[in-house]
N, C-alpha and C. Protein backbone atom coordinates (compact mmCIF):
# COMPACT_ATOMS: atom_id res chain seq x y z
N MET A 1 -37.33 -4.81 -30.96
CA MET A 1 -37.29 -3.65 -30.06
C MET A 1 -36.37 -3.95 -28.89
N ASP A 2 -35.44 -3.04 -28.63
CA ASP A 2 -34.49 -3.25 -27.54
C ASP A 2 -35.19 -3.14 -26.21
N ARG A 3 -34.83 -4.05 -25.30
CA ARG A 3 -35.38 -4.01 -23.95
C ARG A 3 -34.56 -3.08 -23.08
N GLU A 4 -35.25 -2.45 -22.14
CA GLU A 4 -34.54 -1.66 -21.15
C GLU A 4 -33.78 -2.60 -20.23
N PRO A 5 -32.55 -2.26 -19.84
CA PRO A 5 -31.80 -3.13 -18.93
C PRO A 5 -32.49 -3.21 -17.57
N ALA A 6 -32.28 -4.34 -16.89
CA ALA A 6 -32.91 -4.54 -15.58
C ALA A 6 -32.40 -3.50 -14.59
N ARG A 7 -31.17 -3.08 -14.75
CA ARG A 7 -30.57 -2.09 -13.86
C ARG A 7 -29.82 -1.05 -14.66
N VAL A 8 -30.05 0.19 -14.35
CA VAL A 8 -29.32 1.28 -15.00
C VAL A 8 -28.26 1.80 -14.02
N ILE A 9 -27.01 1.80 -14.47
CA ILE A 9 -25.90 2.30 -13.65
C ILE A 9 -25.71 3.78 -13.94
N THR A 10 -25.78 4.59 -12.90
CA THR A 10 -25.65 6.03 -13.07
C THR A 10 -24.22 6.48 -12.81
N LEU A 11 -23.78 7.50 -13.56
CA LEU A 11 -22.39 7.97 -13.46
C LEU A 11 -22.34 9.49 -13.49
N ILE A 12 -21.22 10.01 -12.98
CA ILE A 12 -20.82 11.38 -13.31
C ILE A 12 -19.38 11.30 -13.80
N VAL A 13 -19.00 12.25 -14.65
CA VAL A 13 -17.66 12.29 -15.23
C VAL A 13 -16.94 13.53 -14.71
N VAL A 14 -15.77 13.33 -14.09
CA VAL A 14 -14.99 14.44 -13.55
C VAL A 14 -13.66 14.49 -14.29
N ASP A 15 -13.50 15.48 -15.16
CA ASP A 15 -12.29 15.61 -15.97
C ASP A 15 -12.20 17.05 -16.45
N ASP A 16 -10.99 17.60 -16.47
CA ASP A 16 -10.85 19.01 -16.86
C ASP A 16 -10.84 19.22 -18.37
N HIS A 17 -10.85 18.14 -19.15
CA HIS A 17 -10.83 18.28 -20.60
C HIS A 17 -12.24 18.06 -21.17
N PRO A 18 -12.83 19.09 -21.76
CA PRO A 18 -14.19 18.95 -22.33
C PRO A 18 -14.28 17.85 -23.38
N VAL A 19 -13.23 17.66 -24.17
CA VAL A 19 -13.26 16.63 -25.21
C VAL A 19 -13.37 15.24 -24.58
N VAL A 20 -12.65 15.03 -23.48
CA VAL A 20 -12.73 13.74 -22.78
C VAL A 20 -14.12 13.53 -22.21
N ARG A 21 -14.66 14.58 -21.58
CA ARG A 21 -16.00 14.46 -21.01
C ARG A 21 -17.04 14.16 -22.09
N ASP A 22 -16.94 14.88 -23.21
CA ASP A 22 -17.89 14.66 -24.31
C ASP A 22 -17.77 13.24 -24.85
N GLY A 23 -16.52 12.78 -24.98
CA GLY A 23 -16.31 11.43 -25.51
C GLY A 23 -16.88 10.36 -24.61
N LEU A 24 -16.67 10.52 -23.31
CA LEU A 24 -17.18 9.54 -22.36
C LEU A 24 -18.71 9.57 -22.32
N ARG A 25 -19.27 10.78 -22.33
CA ARG A 25 -20.74 10.89 -22.32
C ARG A 25 -21.32 10.19 -23.55
N GLY A 26 -20.74 10.44 -24.71
CA GLY A 26 -21.22 9.82 -25.93
C GLY A 26 -21.09 8.31 -25.90
N MET A 27 -19.97 7.84 -25.37
CA MET A 27 -19.73 6.40 -25.28
C MET A 27 -20.80 5.72 -24.41
N PHE A 28 -21.05 6.30 -23.25
CA PHE A 28 -22.02 5.68 -22.34
C PHE A 28 -23.46 5.86 -22.83
N ALA A 29 -23.70 6.92 -23.59
CA ALA A 29 -25.04 7.13 -24.13
C ALA A 29 -25.42 6.04 -25.13
N SER A 30 -24.41 5.36 -25.69
CA SER A 30 -24.67 4.31 -26.68
C SER A 30 -25.12 3.01 -26.04
N ALA A 31 -25.05 2.93 -24.71
CA ALA A 31 -25.44 1.70 -24.01
C ALA A 31 -26.56 2.01 -23.03
N PRO A 32 -27.74 1.40 -23.18
CA PRO A 32 -28.89 1.74 -22.34
C PRO A 32 -28.72 1.39 -20.87
N GLU A 33 -27.72 0.57 -20.53
CA GLU A 33 -27.54 0.20 -19.12
C GLU A 33 -26.84 1.29 -18.31
N PHE A 34 -26.33 2.34 -19.00
CA PHE A 34 -25.63 3.42 -18.31
C PHE A 34 -26.37 4.75 -18.51
N ARG A 35 -26.25 5.62 -17.51
CA ARG A 35 -26.80 6.96 -17.65
C ARG A 35 -25.85 7.96 -16.99
N VAL A 36 -25.33 8.88 -17.77
CA VAL A 36 -24.45 9.93 -17.24
C VAL A 36 -25.33 11.06 -16.70
N LEU A 37 -25.23 11.29 -15.40
CA LEU A 37 -26.08 12.28 -14.75
C LEU A 37 -25.52 13.70 -14.84
N GLY A 38 -24.18 13.81 -14.99
CA GLY A 38 -23.59 15.14 -15.02
C GLY A 38 -22.10 15.08 -15.21
N GLU A 39 -21.49 16.26 -15.37
CA GLU A 39 -20.06 16.38 -15.59
C GLU A 39 -19.49 17.47 -14.70
N ALA A 40 -18.22 17.33 -14.35
CA ALA A 40 -17.52 18.34 -13.56
C ALA A 40 -16.12 18.51 -14.13
N ALA A 41 -15.57 19.73 -14.00
CA ALA A 41 -14.27 20.05 -14.58
C ALA A 41 -13.13 19.95 -13.58
N ASP A 42 -13.44 19.77 -12.30
CA ASP A 42 -12.38 19.60 -11.30
C ASP A 42 -12.92 18.84 -10.10
N GLY A 43 -12.01 18.50 -9.18
CA GLY A 43 -12.40 17.66 -8.06
C GLY A 43 -13.41 18.30 -7.13
N VAL A 44 -13.25 19.59 -6.87
CA VAL A 44 -14.17 20.28 -5.96
C VAL A 44 -15.59 20.25 -6.52
N GLU A 45 -15.70 20.57 -7.81
CA GLU A 45 -17.00 20.53 -8.47
C GLU A 45 -17.55 19.10 -8.50
N GLY A 46 -16.64 18.14 -8.68
CA GLY A 46 -17.04 16.74 -8.73
C GLY A 46 -17.62 16.25 -7.41
N VAL A 47 -17.01 16.68 -6.30
CA VAL A 47 -17.53 16.29 -4.98
C VAL A 47 -18.95 16.84 -4.80
N GLY A 48 -19.14 18.10 -5.15
CA GLY A 48 -20.46 18.70 -5.02
C GLY A 48 -21.49 18.00 -5.88
N LEU A 49 -21.08 17.62 -7.09
CA LEU A 49 -21.98 16.93 -8.01
C LEU A 49 -22.34 15.55 -7.48
N ALA A 50 -21.35 14.83 -6.95
CA ALA A 50 -21.59 13.50 -6.42
C ALA A 50 -22.54 13.55 -5.22
N LEU A 51 -22.36 14.55 -4.38
CA LEU A 51 -23.23 14.68 -3.22
C LEU A 51 -24.66 15.01 -3.64
N ARG A 52 -24.80 15.80 -4.68
CA ARG A 52 -26.13 16.22 -5.12
C ARG A 52 -26.85 15.14 -5.94
N LEU A 53 -26.11 14.45 -6.80
CA LEU A 53 -26.75 13.51 -7.74
C LEU A 53 -26.70 12.06 -7.29
N ASP A 54 -25.83 11.71 -6.34
CA ASP A 54 -25.73 10.36 -5.79
C ASP A 54 -25.59 9.29 -6.87
N PRO A 55 -24.56 9.39 -7.75
CA PRO A 55 -24.39 8.38 -8.80
C PRO A 55 -23.85 7.07 -8.24
N ASP A 56 -24.00 6.01 -9.02
CA ASP A 56 -23.41 4.73 -8.63
C ASP A 56 -21.88 4.79 -8.75
N VAL A 57 -21.40 5.45 -9.80
CA VAL A 57 -19.96 5.49 -10.08
C VAL A 57 -19.54 6.91 -10.45
N VAL A 58 -18.37 7.30 -9.95
CA VAL A 58 -17.75 8.57 -10.33
C VAL A 58 -16.51 8.24 -11.16
N LEU A 59 -16.48 8.68 -12.41
CA LEU A 59 -15.29 8.53 -13.24
C LEU A 59 -14.41 9.74 -12.97
N MET A 60 -13.23 9.51 -12.39
CA MET A 60 -12.43 10.60 -11.84
C MET A 60 -11.05 10.68 -12.49
N ASP A 61 -10.75 11.84 -13.06
CA ASP A 61 -9.39 12.11 -13.48
C ASP A 61 -8.57 12.41 -12.22
N LEU A 62 -7.24 12.32 -12.30
CA LEU A 62 -6.43 12.54 -11.11
C LEU A 62 -5.88 13.95 -11.02
N ARG A 63 -5.33 14.46 -12.10
CA ARG A 63 -4.70 15.78 -12.04
C ARG A 63 -5.52 16.79 -12.80
N MET A 64 -6.11 17.72 -12.04
CA MET A 64 -6.97 18.74 -12.65
C MET A 64 -6.71 20.09 -11.97
N PRO A 65 -6.57 21.15 -12.74
CA PRO A 65 -6.45 22.48 -12.14
C PRO A 65 -7.71 22.79 -11.34
N GLY A 66 -7.54 23.42 -10.21
CA GLY A 66 -8.70 23.82 -9.41
C GLY A 66 -9.16 22.79 -8.42
N GLY A 67 -8.58 21.60 -8.44
CA GLY A 67 -8.97 20.56 -7.49
C GLY A 67 -8.70 19.19 -8.05
N GLY A 68 -7.67 18.52 -7.51
CA GLY A 68 -7.25 17.22 -8.04
C GLY A 68 -8.13 16.07 -7.60
N GLY A 69 -7.94 14.93 -8.27
CA GLY A 69 -8.76 13.76 -8.01
C GLY A 69 -8.53 13.13 -6.66
N VAL A 70 -7.27 13.07 -6.21
CA VAL A 70 -6.98 12.41 -4.93
C VAL A 70 -7.69 13.12 -3.78
N ALA A 71 -7.62 14.44 -3.76
CA ALA A 71 -8.30 15.19 -2.71
C ALA A 71 -9.80 14.99 -2.78
N ALA A 72 -10.35 14.91 -3.99
CA ALA A 72 -11.78 14.70 -4.15
C ALA A 72 -12.19 13.31 -3.66
N ILE A 73 -11.38 12.30 -3.98
CA ILE A 73 -11.68 10.94 -3.53
C ILE A 73 -11.66 10.88 -2.00
N ALA A 74 -10.65 11.50 -1.41
CA ALA A 74 -10.55 11.51 0.05
C ALA A 74 -11.76 12.20 0.68
N GLU A 75 -12.23 13.29 0.07
CA GLU A 75 -13.38 14.01 0.61
C GLU A 75 -14.65 13.18 0.48
N LEU A 76 -14.82 12.49 -0.64
CA LEU A 76 -15.99 11.62 -0.81
C LEU A 76 -15.97 10.49 0.20
N THR A 77 -14.77 9.94 0.44
CA THR A 77 -14.63 8.88 1.43
C THR A 77 -14.96 9.41 2.83
N ARG A 78 -14.45 10.59 3.13
CA ARG A 78 -14.69 11.19 4.45
C ARG A 78 -16.18 11.42 4.69
N ARG A 79 -16.88 11.78 3.63
CA ARG A 79 -18.31 12.07 3.76
C ARG A 79 -19.17 10.80 3.70
N GLY A 80 -18.54 9.68 3.44
CA GLY A 80 -19.26 8.40 3.45
C GLY A 80 -20.24 8.22 2.31
N VAL A 81 -19.95 8.81 1.16
CA VAL A 81 -20.87 8.64 0.03
C VAL A 81 -20.85 7.20 -0.46
N ARG A 82 -21.96 6.78 -1.04
CA ARG A 82 -22.04 5.39 -1.52
C ARG A 82 -21.41 5.22 -2.89
N SER A 83 -21.20 6.33 -3.62
CA SER A 83 -20.65 6.25 -4.97
C SER A 83 -19.26 5.62 -4.95
N LYS A 84 -19.00 4.77 -5.94
CA LYS A 84 -17.68 4.18 -6.11
C LYS A 84 -16.88 5.03 -7.11
N VAL A 85 -15.61 5.23 -6.81
CA VAL A 85 -14.78 6.06 -7.69
C VAL A 85 -13.89 5.18 -8.56
N LEU A 86 -14.02 5.36 -9.86
CA LEU A 86 -13.16 4.67 -10.83
C LEU A 86 -12.25 5.72 -11.46
N VAL A 87 -10.95 5.61 -11.20
CA VAL A 87 -9.98 6.57 -11.71
C VAL A 87 -9.65 6.25 -13.16
N LEU A 88 -9.67 7.28 -14.00
CA LEU A 88 -9.18 7.17 -15.37
C LEU A 88 -7.91 8.00 -15.46
N THR A 89 -6.77 7.33 -15.54
CA THR A 89 -5.48 8.03 -15.53
C THR A 89 -4.85 7.99 -16.91
N THR A 90 -3.83 8.80 -17.12
CA THR A 90 -3.13 8.82 -18.40
C THR A 90 -2.19 7.61 -18.50
N TYR A 91 -1.59 7.44 -19.69
CA TYR A 91 -0.67 6.32 -19.90
C TYR A 91 0.63 6.51 -19.14
N ASP A 92 0.96 7.76 -18.77
CA ASP A 92 2.20 8.00 -18.03
C ASP A 92 2.04 7.58 -16.58
N THR A 93 3.15 7.22 -15.97
CA THR A 93 3.13 6.92 -14.54
C THR A 93 2.66 8.16 -13.80
N ASP A 94 1.68 8.00 -12.93
CA ASP A 94 1.09 9.15 -12.24
C ASP A 94 1.36 9.01 -10.75
N SER A 95 2.06 10.00 -10.20
CA SER A 95 2.43 9.92 -8.79
C SER A 95 1.23 10.01 -7.86
N ASP A 96 0.07 10.34 -8.40
CA ASP A 96 -1.13 10.41 -7.58
C ASP A 96 -1.82 9.06 -7.43
N THR A 97 -1.41 8.06 -8.21
CA THR A 97 -2.16 6.81 -8.24
C THR A 97 -2.12 6.08 -6.91
N LEU A 98 -0.92 5.93 -6.33
CA LEU A 98 -0.83 5.25 -5.04
C LEU A 98 -1.59 5.99 -3.95
N PRO A 99 -1.44 7.32 -3.83
CA PRO A 99 -2.25 8.02 -2.83
C PRO A 99 -3.75 7.84 -3.07
N ALA A 100 -4.15 7.69 -4.32
CA ALA A 100 -5.57 7.51 -4.61
C ALA A 100 -6.09 6.20 -4.04
N ILE A 101 -5.24 5.18 -3.97
CA ILE A 101 -5.65 3.92 -3.35
C ILE A 101 -6.01 4.17 -1.90
N GLU A 102 -5.12 4.84 -1.21
CA GLU A 102 -5.36 5.13 0.19
C GLU A 102 -6.59 6.03 0.36
N ALA A 103 -6.81 6.92 -0.59
CA ALA A 103 -7.92 7.86 -0.48
C ALA A 103 -9.27 7.17 -0.59
N GLY A 104 -9.30 5.99 -1.25
CA GLY A 104 -10.55 5.23 -1.30
C GLY A 104 -11.07 4.90 -2.68
N ALA A 105 -10.26 5.09 -3.74
CA ALA A 105 -10.73 4.75 -5.08
C ALA A 105 -10.94 3.24 -5.21
N THR A 106 -11.95 2.87 -5.99
CA THR A 106 -12.29 1.46 -6.19
C THR A 106 -11.48 0.84 -7.31
N GLY A 107 -11.16 1.62 -8.35
CA GLY A 107 -10.46 1.03 -9.47
C GLY A 107 -9.69 2.05 -10.30
N TYR A 108 -8.89 1.55 -11.27
CA TYR A 108 -7.98 2.37 -12.06
C TYR A 108 -7.90 1.83 -13.47
N LEU A 109 -8.13 2.70 -14.41
CA LEU A 109 -7.97 2.34 -15.82
C LEU A 109 -7.17 3.43 -16.51
N LEU A 110 -6.55 3.05 -17.63
CA LEU A 110 -5.91 4.05 -18.48
C LEU A 110 -6.96 4.65 -19.40
N LYS A 111 -6.75 5.91 -19.77
CA LYS A 111 -7.74 6.60 -20.59
C LYS A 111 -7.88 6.01 -21.99
N ASP A 112 -6.89 5.23 -22.42
CA ASP A 112 -7.01 4.62 -23.73
C ASP A 112 -7.60 3.21 -23.67
N ALA A 113 -8.23 2.87 -22.54
CA ALA A 113 -8.85 1.55 -22.40
C ALA A 113 -9.95 1.39 -23.44
N PRO A 114 -10.08 0.20 -24.02
CA PRO A 114 -11.16 -0.04 -24.99
C PRO A 114 -12.53 0.15 -24.35
N ARG A 115 -13.50 0.43 -25.18
CA ARG A 115 -14.87 0.67 -24.72
C ARG A 115 -15.39 -0.47 -23.84
N ASP A 116 -15.22 -1.71 -24.31
CA ASP A 116 -15.74 -2.85 -23.56
C ASP A 116 -15.06 -2.99 -22.20
N GLU A 117 -13.76 -2.70 -22.16
CA GLU A 117 -13.03 -2.78 -20.89
C GLU A 117 -13.54 -1.73 -19.91
N LEU A 118 -13.81 -0.54 -20.44
CA LEU A 118 -14.32 0.53 -19.59
C LEU A 118 -15.71 0.17 -19.06
N PHE A 119 -16.56 -0.35 -19.92
CA PHE A 119 -17.91 -0.74 -19.49
C PHE A 119 -17.84 -1.82 -18.41
N THR A 120 -16.97 -2.80 -18.63
CA THR A 120 -16.82 -3.88 -17.65
C THR A 120 -16.34 -3.33 -16.32
N ALA A 121 -15.40 -2.39 -16.39
CA ALA A 121 -14.85 -1.80 -15.17
C ALA A 121 -15.91 -1.01 -14.41
N VAL A 122 -16.76 -0.29 -15.13
CA VAL A 122 -17.81 0.49 -14.47
C VAL A 122 -18.82 -0.45 -13.82
N ARG A 123 -19.17 -1.53 -14.50
CA ARG A 123 -20.09 -2.50 -13.89
C ARG A 123 -19.50 -3.07 -12.61
N ALA A 124 -18.22 -3.43 -12.68
CA ALA A 124 -17.56 -4.00 -11.50
C ALA A 124 -17.49 -2.99 -10.36
N ALA A 125 -17.13 -1.74 -10.70
CA ALA A 125 -17.05 -0.70 -9.68
C ALA A 125 -18.40 -0.47 -9.02
N ALA A 126 -19.46 -0.46 -9.82
CA ALA A 126 -20.81 -0.27 -9.28
C ALA A 126 -21.17 -1.36 -8.29
N ASP A 127 -20.61 -2.55 -8.51
CA ASP A 127 -20.85 -3.68 -7.60
C ASP A 127 -19.88 -3.70 -6.42
N GLY A 128 -18.98 -2.70 -6.37
CA GLY A 128 -18.04 -2.62 -5.27
C GLY A 128 -16.81 -3.49 -5.43
N ARG A 129 -16.58 -3.99 -6.66
CA ARG A 129 -15.41 -4.84 -6.90
C ARG A 129 -14.25 -3.99 -7.41
N THR A 130 -13.04 -4.35 -6.99
CA THR A 130 -11.85 -3.62 -7.39
C THR A 130 -11.52 -3.88 -8.86
N VAL A 131 -11.18 -2.83 -9.57
CA VAL A 131 -10.84 -2.92 -10.98
C VAL A 131 -9.46 -2.31 -11.17
N LEU A 132 -8.54 -3.08 -11.73
CA LEU A 132 -7.18 -2.58 -11.94
C LEU A 132 -6.68 -3.12 -13.26
N SER A 133 -6.50 -2.24 -14.24
CA SER A 133 -6.03 -2.71 -15.55
C SER A 133 -4.60 -3.22 -15.41
N PRO A 134 -4.21 -4.22 -16.22
CA PRO A 134 -2.86 -4.76 -16.14
C PRO A 134 -1.78 -3.69 -16.27
N ALA A 135 -1.99 -2.73 -17.17
CA ALA A 135 -0.98 -1.69 -17.37
C ALA A 135 -0.83 -0.83 -16.12
N VAL A 136 -1.96 -0.48 -15.50
CA VAL A 136 -1.89 0.32 -14.28
C VAL A 136 -1.27 -0.49 -13.15
N ALA A 137 -1.62 -1.77 -13.07
CA ALA A 137 -1.05 -2.63 -12.03
C ALA A 137 0.46 -2.68 -12.14
N SER A 138 0.96 -2.81 -13.37
CA SER A 138 2.41 -2.88 -13.54
C SER A 138 3.07 -1.56 -13.14
N ARG A 139 2.40 -0.45 -13.40
CA ARG A 139 2.95 0.85 -13.01
C ARG A 139 2.96 0.99 -11.49
N LEU A 140 1.90 0.56 -10.85
CA LEU A 140 1.86 0.60 -9.39
C LEU A 140 2.99 -0.22 -8.79
N ILE A 141 3.17 -1.42 -9.33
CA ILE A 141 4.20 -2.30 -8.81
C ILE A 141 5.58 -1.71 -9.04
N SER A 142 5.78 -1.10 -10.22
CA SER A 142 7.10 -0.53 -10.51
C SER A 142 7.44 0.61 -9.56
N ARG A 143 6.42 1.29 -9.03
CA ARG A 143 6.65 2.40 -8.12
C ARG A 143 7.04 1.93 -6.73
N VAL A 144 6.65 0.71 -6.37
CA VAL A 144 6.92 0.23 -5.01
C VAL A 144 7.85 -0.97 -4.98
N ARG A 145 8.27 -1.42 -6.17
CA ARG A 145 9.10 -2.62 -6.23
C ARG A 145 10.45 -2.39 -5.54
N THR A 146 10.84 -3.35 -4.72
CA THR A 146 12.18 -3.34 -4.13
C THR A 146 12.82 -4.67 -4.45
N PRO A 147 14.10 -4.70 -4.78
CA PRO A 147 14.73 -5.96 -5.17
C PRO A 147 14.63 -7.00 -4.06
N ALA A 148 14.25 -8.20 -4.45
CA ALA A 148 14.21 -9.28 -3.48
C ALA A 148 15.63 -9.62 -3.07
N ALA A 149 15.80 -9.87 -1.81
CA ALA A 149 17.13 -10.20 -1.31
C ALA A 149 17.00 -11.21 -0.19
N PRO A 150 18.05 -12.05 -0.01
CA PRO A 150 17.99 -13.07 1.04
C PRO A 150 17.71 -12.47 2.41
N GLY A 151 18.08 -11.20 2.61
CA GLY A 151 17.91 -10.58 3.92
C GLY A 151 16.48 -10.19 4.24
N HIS A 152 15.57 -10.26 3.26
CA HIS A 152 14.19 -9.90 3.53
C HIS A 152 13.59 -10.87 4.53
N GLU A 153 13.02 -10.34 5.57
CA GLU A 153 12.43 -11.17 6.61
C GLU A 153 11.01 -11.56 6.19
N ALA A 154 10.67 -12.84 6.35
CA ALA A 154 9.35 -13.31 5.95
C ALA A 154 8.28 -12.79 6.92
N LEU A 155 7.07 -12.58 6.37
CA LEU A 155 5.97 -12.19 7.21
C LEU A 155 5.47 -13.39 8.01
N SER A 156 5.04 -13.15 9.23
CA SER A 156 4.45 -14.20 10.04
C SER A 156 3.05 -14.51 9.52
N ALA A 157 2.48 -15.62 9.95
CA ALA A 157 1.13 -15.99 9.53
C ALA A 157 0.13 -14.91 9.90
N ARG A 158 0.27 -14.35 11.11
CA ARG A 158 -0.65 -13.30 11.55
C ARG A 158 -0.47 -12.03 10.72
N GLU A 159 0.78 -11.69 10.39
CA GLU A 159 1.03 -10.51 9.58
C GLU A 159 0.44 -10.67 8.18
N ARG A 160 0.55 -11.86 7.61
CA ARG A 160 -0.07 -12.11 6.31
C ARG A 160 -1.59 -12.00 6.41
N GLU A 161 -2.14 -12.48 7.51
CA GLU A 161 -3.58 -12.41 7.73
C GLU A 161 -4.05 -10.95 7.80
N VAL A 162 -3.32 -10.14 8.55
CA VAL A 162 -3.66 -8.72 8.68
C VAL A 162 -3.53 -8.03 7.32
N LEU A 163 -2.45 -8.31 6.60
CA LEU A 163 -2.23 -7.68 5.31
C LEU A 163 -3.30 -8.09 4.31
N GLY A 164 -3.73 -9.34 4.36
CA GLY A 164 -4.80 -9.81 3.49
C GLY A 164 -6.09 -9.03 3.71
N LEU A 165 -6.38 -8.74 4.98
CA LEU A 165 -7.58 -7.96 5.30
C LEU A 165 -7.42 -6.51 4.83
N VAL A 166 -6.21 -5.97 4.97
CA VAL A 166 -5.94 -4.62 4.47
C VAL A 166 -6.19 -4.57 2.96
N ALA A 167 -5.75 -5.61 2.25
CA ALA A 167 -5.92 -5.65 0.79
C ALA A 167 -7.38 -5.66 0.39
N ARG A 168 -8.25 -6.12 1.29
CA ARG A 168 -9.69 -6.14 1.02
C ARG A 168 -10.36 -4.84 1.43
N GLY A 169 -9.57 -3.87 1.86
CA GLY A 169 -10.11 -2.58 2.22
C GLY A 169 -10.66 -2.50 3.64
N THR A 170 -10.23 -3.44 4.50
CA THR A 170 -10.73 -3.49 5.87
C THR A 170 -9.99 -2.49 6.75
N SER A 171 -10.71 -1.77 7.57
CA SER A 171 -10.10 -0.78 8.46
C SER A 171 -9.42 -1.47 9.64
N ASN A 172 -8.56 -0.73 10.35
CA ASN A 172 -7.91 -1.29 11.53
C ASN A 172 -8.92 -1.76 12.56
N ARG A 173 -9.97 -0.98 12.75
CA ARG A 173 -10.99 -1.36 13.73
C ARG A 173 -11.69 -2.64 13.33
N GLU A 174 -12.00 -2.77 12.04
CA GLU A 174 -12.67 -3.99 11.56
C GLU A 174 -11.74 -5.19 11.63
N ILE A 175 -10.45 -4.97 11.34
CA ILE A 175 -9.48 -6.07 11.46
C ILE A 175 -9.39 -6.54 12.90
N ALA A 176 -9.33 -5.58 13.83
CA ALA A 176 -9.26 -5.94 15.25
C ALA A 176 -10.46 -6.77 15.67
N ALA A 177 -11.65 -6.36 15.22
CA ALA A 177 -12.87 -7.10 15.58
C ALA A 177 -12.87 -8.50 14.98
N GLU A 178 -12.43 -8.60 13.72
CA GLU A 178 -12.46 -9.91 13.04
C GLU A 178 -11.45 -10.89 13.64
N LEU A 179 -10.29 -10.36 14.05
CA LEU A 179 -9.24 -11.23 14.56
C LEU A 179 -9.22 -11.31 16.10
N PHE A 180 -10.16 -10.59 16.73
CA PHE A 180 -10.26 -10.59 18.19
C PHE A 180 -8.96 -10.11 18.85
N ILE A 181 -8.43 -9.02 18.31
CA ILE A 181 -7.24 -8.40 18.88
C ILE A 181 -7.52 -6.90 19.00
N SER A 182 -6.64 -6.17 19.66
CA SER A 182 -6.85 -4.73 19.83
C SER A 182 -6.38 -3.97 18.59
N GLU A 183 -6.89 -2.75 18.42
CA GLU A 183 -6.43 -1.91 17.32
C GLU A 183 -4.94 -1.62 17.45
N ALA A 184 -4.47 -1.49 18.68
CA ALA A 184 -3.04 -1.24 18.90
C ALA A 184 -2.20 -2.40 18.38
N THR A 185 -2.70 -3.62 18.57
CA THR A 185 -1.99 -4.79 18.07
C THR A 185 -1.99 -4.82 16.55
N VAL A 186 -3.12 -4.43 15.96
CA VAL A 186 -3.19 -4.36 14.50
C VAL A 186 -2.14 -3.38 13.98
N LYS A 187 -2.04 -2.22 14.61
CA LYS A 187 -1.07 -1.22 14.19
C LYS A 187 0.36 -1.73 14.34
N THR A 188 0.60 -2.50 15.40
CA THR A 188 1.93 -3.08 15.60
C THR A 188 2.27 -4.05 14.48
N HIS A 189 1.30 -4.91 14.14
CA HIS A 189 1.51 -5.86 13.04
C HIS A 189 1.81 -5.11 11.74
N LEU A 190 1.06 -4.03 11.48
CA LEU A 190 1.26 -3.28 10.23
C LEU A 190 2.62 -2.59 10.22
N THR A 191 3.05 -2.11 11.37
CA THR A 191 4.39 -1.50 11.45
C THR A 191 5.46 -2.51 11.07
N HIS A 192 5.30 -3.74 11.57
CA HIS A 192 6.26 -4.81 11.23
C HIS A 192 6.19 -5.15 9.74
N VAL A 193 4.95 -5.20 9.20
CA VAL A 193 4.77 -5.50 7.77
C VAL A 193 5.46 -4.45 6.92
N PHE A 194 5.24 -3.17 7.24
CA PHE A 194 5.85 -2.08 6.47
C PHE A 194 7.38 -2.21 6.48
N ALA A 195 7.93 -2.52 7.65
CA ALA A 195 9.38 -2.63 7.77
C ALA A 195 9.91 -3.80 6.96
N LYS A 196 9.23 -4.94 7.04
CA LYS A 196 9.70 -6.14 6.33
C LYS A 196 9.59 -6.00 4.81
N LEU A 197 8.57 -5.26 4.35
CA LEU A 197 8.37 -5.12 2.91
C LEU A 197 8.98 -3.84 2.36
N ASP A 198 9.63 -3.04 3.23
CA ASP A 198 10.19 -1.76 2.81
C ASP A 198 9.11 -0.89 2.17
N ALA A 199 7.92 -0.89 2.78
CA ALA A 199 6.79 -0.13 2.25
C ALA A 199 6.47 1.03 3.17
N LYS A 200 6.08 2.15 2.58
CA LYS A 200 5.83 3.35 3.38
C LYS A 200 4.40 3.44 3.90
N ASP A 201 3.47 2.69 3.30
CA ASP A 201 2.09 2.77 3.75
C ASP A 201 1.33 1.51 3.35
N ARG A 202 0.04 1.49 3.66
CA ARG A 202 -0.80 0.31 3.42
C ARG A 202 -0.85 -0.05 1.94
N ALA A 203 -1.06 0.96 1.09
CA ALA A 203 -1.18 0.70 -0.34
C ALA A 203 0.10 0.09 -0.91
N ALA A 204 1.23 0.66 -0.52
CA ALA A 204 2.52 0.15 -1.00
C ALA A 204 2.76 -1.27 -0.50
N ALA A 205 2.39 -1.54 0.74
CA ALA A 205 2.58 -2.88 1.30
C ALA A 205 1.77 -3.91 0.53
N VAL A 206 0.52 -3.57 0.21
CA VAL A 206 -0.32 -4.49 -0.55
C VAL A 206 0.26 -4.73 -1.95
N ALA A 207 0.71 -3.65 -2.61
CA ALA A 207 1.28 -3.79 -3.95
C ALA A 207 2.53 -4.67 -3.94
N VAL A 208 3.42 -4.44 -2.96
CA VAL A 208 4.63 -5.25 -2.85
C VAL A 208 4.27 -6.71 -2.58
N ALA A 209 3.29 -6.92 -1.71
CA ALA A 209 2.91 -8.28 -1.36
C ALA A 209 2.36 -9.04 -2.56
N TYR A 210 1.57 -8.35 -3.40
CA TYR A 210 1.07 -9.01 -4.61
C TYR A 210 2.22 -9.29 -5.57
N GLU A 211 3.12 -8.34 -5.71
CA GLU A 211 4.25 -8.49 -6.62
C GLU A 211 5.15 -9.66 -6.23
N ARG A 212 5.31 -9.86 -4.92
CA ARG A 212 6.18 -10.94 -4.45
C ARG A 212 5.44 -12.26 -4.25
N GLY A 213 4.15 -12.27 -4.54
CA GLY A 213 3.39 -13.50 -4.40
C GLY A 213 2.98 -13.83 -2.98
N ILE A 214 3.11 -12.87 -2.07
CA ILE A 214 2.69 -13.09 -0.68
C ILE A 214 1.16 -13.11 -0.60
N LEU A 215 0.53 -12.28 -1.40
CA LEU A 215 -0.93 -12.26 -1.50
C LEU A 215 -1.31 -12.69 -2.90
N GLY A 216 -2.51 -13.20 -3.02
CA GLY A 216 -3.02 -13.55 -4.34
C GLY A 216 -2.56 -14.91 -4.82
C-alpha cells in the first residue's frame, strides 16, 4: 500500500491552452506528493486564483491573451503572496523571460521538460530555490551577451559583493542593511555595475555576470 507523502505540494496551473492545462493536471495527479488546486486561462484569472487558493507553486505561462504572465507575476509580488512562481515557457526565445526575472519569478522551464525535471523544479520552487533549465539559461544569456573586450572595466570587490546579493534576490534596502551602507550608495554601485557590464537592469547584470564567470 502506497504511503501518503509527508508533505503535499499544492499548485495552480495558469495557461491559455486547455490541452496544456489538462496534461499538467494529469501529470501531477499521478504523483501523490502534488495536488493541483485549480486552473486559470490568463494572468488576471491566475492572480485571483492564487490569492484565493494560496498554493505553494504557481505554474505560469508567459504570453496569454487577456493577461500575460509577467504582469501577473509582478502583481503577485506586489501583493506579497507566499506562492512561488515557476514559469513554463516555449522552446522559442521569449522576450518576456528577462522581465519575468525582475517581476519575481522563482524559476523557468521549457514546456517540453521531462516529467521528472518538472517535478524536481516544482519541489525546488516550493522550497524557494531558483530553478533554471540549461536551455532557458542559454537563451537568457544569449539575450544579454556582449562580446568581451579588453576595454571592459573590472568590477570592484564591493560591486561584486552588491551584485552577488542582487543575484540572491536581495532588495536595495536589504543590501544596504547587510553591508552597512545607505540605499543611495547601493544604487550608485548598481549604476556602475550596469555601465561596466553593458546591462540595462538587475536581471541582465546578473545574467552577464554569470556568463562571464564574475558570479558563480
